[in-house]
Amino acid sequence: MKTKTKIQLTIAILAGTILLSSNNALAGHAYAYLREQIRLMRDYLGVRITHNTYTDTMDDGSDEYITINLNRNQQYVIAGLCDESCNDLDLKLYNTSGYLLQSDTSLDKYAVVGVTPRVGGRYSLKIKMSDCYTSSCDYAIGVFSK
């Protein structure tokens, strides 16, 4: 997927930005900083953010589900990235029937899944904080479309 390659490249660049940032820039402002990274991806790729950027903190090794309403026949890319304490963030996208559609479980601090739903509705995104250097990590999820 050409868009996925562009997003992965963008996230890799931005992940490097996160790693090079001073701790003061992230302390107390991690969510705002991660949201800004999502906006930079949007601008770089020339796509739009279709949903509010989701940010949260998760314990090392834990997971959670969020529900995303997706429209029929609209192409989406969902990207997640985590903070400087994170080593591995994974995403799995499930359809309205609970069937796994896409996943990104590669060993890195960002994840990208894409889908063009045949049926509109409520989709579940499983977010797994697979590896943190600390007891918990902050992360952001962005949903993009052309």
Protein backbone atom coordinates (compact mmCIF):
# COMPACT_ATOMS: atom_id res chain seq x y z
CA MET A 1 0.00 0.00 0.00
CA LYS A 2 1.63 3.20 -1.17
CA THR A 3 -0.03 5.39 1.47
CA LYS A 4 1.08 2.98 4.20
CA THR A 5 4.68 3.27 3.04
CA LYS A 6 4.47 7.07 3.16
CA ILE A 7 2.93 7.00 6.62
CA GLN A 8 5.52 4.55 7.91
CA LEU A 9 8.29 6.79 6.60
CA THR A 10 6.68 9.82 8.18
CA ILE A 11 6.20 8.09 11.51
CA ALA A 12 9.79 6.84 11.47
CA ILE A 13 10.98 10.41 10.96
CA LEU A 14 8.66 11.72 13.63
CA ALA A 15 9.60 8.95 16.04
CA GLY A 16 13.18 10.12 15.67
CA THR A 17 12.00 13.62 16.51
CA ILE A 18 10.39 12.30 19.68
CA LEU A 19 13.58 10.50 20.67
CA LEU A 20 15.70 13.59 20.09
CA SER A 21 13.40 15.93 22.01
CA SER A 22 14.38 17.03 25.46
CA ASN A 23 12.53 15.50 28.38
CA ASN A 24 11.27 18.98 29.30
CA ALA A 25 9.38 19.20 26.01
CA LEU A 26 7.53 15.99 26.85
CA ALA A 27 7.14 16.32 30.61
CA GLY A 28 3.54 17.30 31.36
CA HIS A 29 2.86 17.92 27.67
CA ALA A 30 3.17 14.44 26.17
CA TYR A 31 -0.39 14.31 24.87
CA ALA A 32 -0.14 17.71 23.20
CA TYR A 33 3.21 16.74 21.70
CA LEU A 34 1.85 13.43 20.36
CA ARG A 35 -1.21 15.21 18.92
CA GLU A 36 1.14 17.59 17.13
CA GLN A 37 2.99 14.61 15.62
CA ILE A 38 -0.35 13.35 14.26
CA ARG A 39 -1.02 16.81 12.72
CA LEU A 40 2.44 16.81 11.13
CA MET A 41 1.67 13.43 9.52
CA ARG A 42 -1.57 14.87 8.16
CA ASP A 43 0.19 17.87 6.64
CA TYR A 44 3.04 15.83 5.19
CA LEU A 45 0.74 13.28 3.55
CA GLY A 46 -1.89 15.72 2.33
CA VAL A 47 -4.70 13.79 4.00
CA ARG A 48 -7.27 14.84 6.55
CA ILE A 49 -7.80 13.70 10.10
CA THR A 50 -11.32 12.25 10.17
CA HIS A 51 -11.69 11.63 13.91
CA ASN A 52 -10.49 13.29 17.08
CA THR A 53 -6.94 12.24 17.91
CA TYR A 54 -7.06 9.74 20.75
CA THR A 55 -4.38 9.99 23.45
CA ASP A 56 -3.93 7.96 26.59
CA THR A 57 -1.43 6.34 28.94
CA MET A 58 -1.08 2.57 29.13
CA ASP A 59 0.87 0.26 31.41
CA ASP A 60 3.68 -1.82 29.96
CA GLY A 61 2.29 -5.07 28.51
CA SER A 62 -1.36 -4.00 28.66
CA ASP A 63 -3.92 -3.44 25.94
CA GLU A 64 -7.22 -1.65 25.42
CA TYR A 65 -9.92 -1.34 22.79
CA ILE A 66 -11.38 1.82 21.33
CA THR A 67 -14.38 2.04 19.03
CA ILE A 68 -14.07 3.94 15.75
CA ASN A 69 -17.06 4.71 13.54
CA LEU A 70 -16.05 4.21 9.91
CA ASN A 71 -18.01 5.02 6.75
CA ARG A 72 -18.69 2.51 4.00
CA ASN A 73 -16.33 2.64 0.97
CA GLN A 74 -14.08 5.33 2.46
CA GLN A 75 -10.36 4.56 2.57
CA TYR A 76 -8.86 4.99 6.05
CA VAL A 77 -5.39 4.77 7.50
CA ILE A 78 -5.09 4.49 11.28
CA ALA A 79 -1.72 5.32 12.78
CA GLY A 80 -0.49 5.04 16.34
CA LEU A 81 2.72 6.26 17.91
CA CYS A 82 4.06 6.35 21.43
CA ASP A 83 6.41 8.45 23.52
CA GLU A 84 10.14 8.23 24.19
CA SER A 85 9.66 5.59 26.90
CA CYS A 86 8.04 3.22 24.45
CA ASN A 87 9.75 0.51 22.46
CA ASP A 88 6.77 -1.29 20.84
CA LEU A 89 3.15 -0.30 20.09
CA ASP A 90 0.85 -2.67 18.16
CA LEU A 91 -2.56 -2.19 16.52
CA LYS A 92 -5.24 -4.67 15.44
CA LEU A 93 -8.42 -3.56 13.66
CA TYR A 94 -11.61 -5.66 13.93
CA ASN A 95 -14.80 -5.27 11.91
CA THR A 96 -18.33 -5.02 13.29
CA SER A 97 -18.50 -8.84 13.55
CA GLY A 98 -15.21 -9.11 15.47
CA TYR A 99 -13.18 -10.40 12.50
CA LEU A 100 -9.54 -9.24 12.37
CA LEU A 101 -9.11 -7.03 9.28
CA GLN A 102 -5.61 -5.60 9.63
CA SER A 103 -2.79 -5.64 12.14
CA ASP A 104 0.64 -4.16 12.64
CA THR A 105 2.59 -6.05 15.29
CA SER A 106 6.10 -5.26 14.09
CA LEU A 107 8.65 -4.40 16.75
CA ASP A 108 8.66 -0.59 16.67
CA LYS A 109 7.17 2.44 18.40
CA TYR A 110 4.53 3.08 15.73
CA ALA A 111 1.85 1.05 14.01
CA VAL A 112 -0.22 1.57 10.85
CA VAL A 113 -3.34 -0.24 9.62
CA GLY A 114 -5.51 0.56 6.62
CA VAL A 115 -9.05 -0.34 5.66
CA THR A 116 -11.79 0.52 3.18
CA PRO A 117 -14.92 -0.79 4.93
CA ARG A 118 -17.55 -2.53 2.82
CA VAL A 119 -19.99 -1.85 5.63
CA GLY A 120 -20.12 1.32 7.70
CA GLY A 121 -20.32 1.02 11.44
CA ARG A 122 -18.47 0.63 14.70
CA TYR A 123 -15.04 -0.95 14.33
CA SER A 124 -12.80 -1.99 17.23
CA LEU A 125 -9.15 -1.03 17.42
CA LYS A 126 -7.02 -3.03 19.84
CA ILE A 127 -4.04 -1.02 21.07
CA LYS A 128 -1.28 -2.99 22.79
CA MET A 129 1.60 -1.40 24.64
CA SER A 130 3.94 -4.32 24.04
CA ASP A 131 7.10 -2.85 25.53
CA CYS A 132 7.88 0.24 27.61
CA TYR A 133 11.18 1.22 29.19
CA THR A 134 9.14 2.49 32.14
CA SER A 135 6.02 1.19 33.89
CA SER A 136 3.72 3.08 31.46
CA CYS A 137 3.86 5.02 28.19
CA ASP A 138 1.80 7.72 26.49
CA TYR A 139 0.47 7.21 22.98
CA ALA A 140 -1.70 8.80 20.28
CA ILE A 141 -3.96 7.34 17.59
CA GLY A 142 -4.84 9.27 14.41
CA VAL A 143 -7.43 8.29 11.80
CA PHE A 144 -6.74 9.64 8.30
CA SER A 145 -8.53 9.67 4.97
CA LYS A 146 -8.11 11.37 1.58
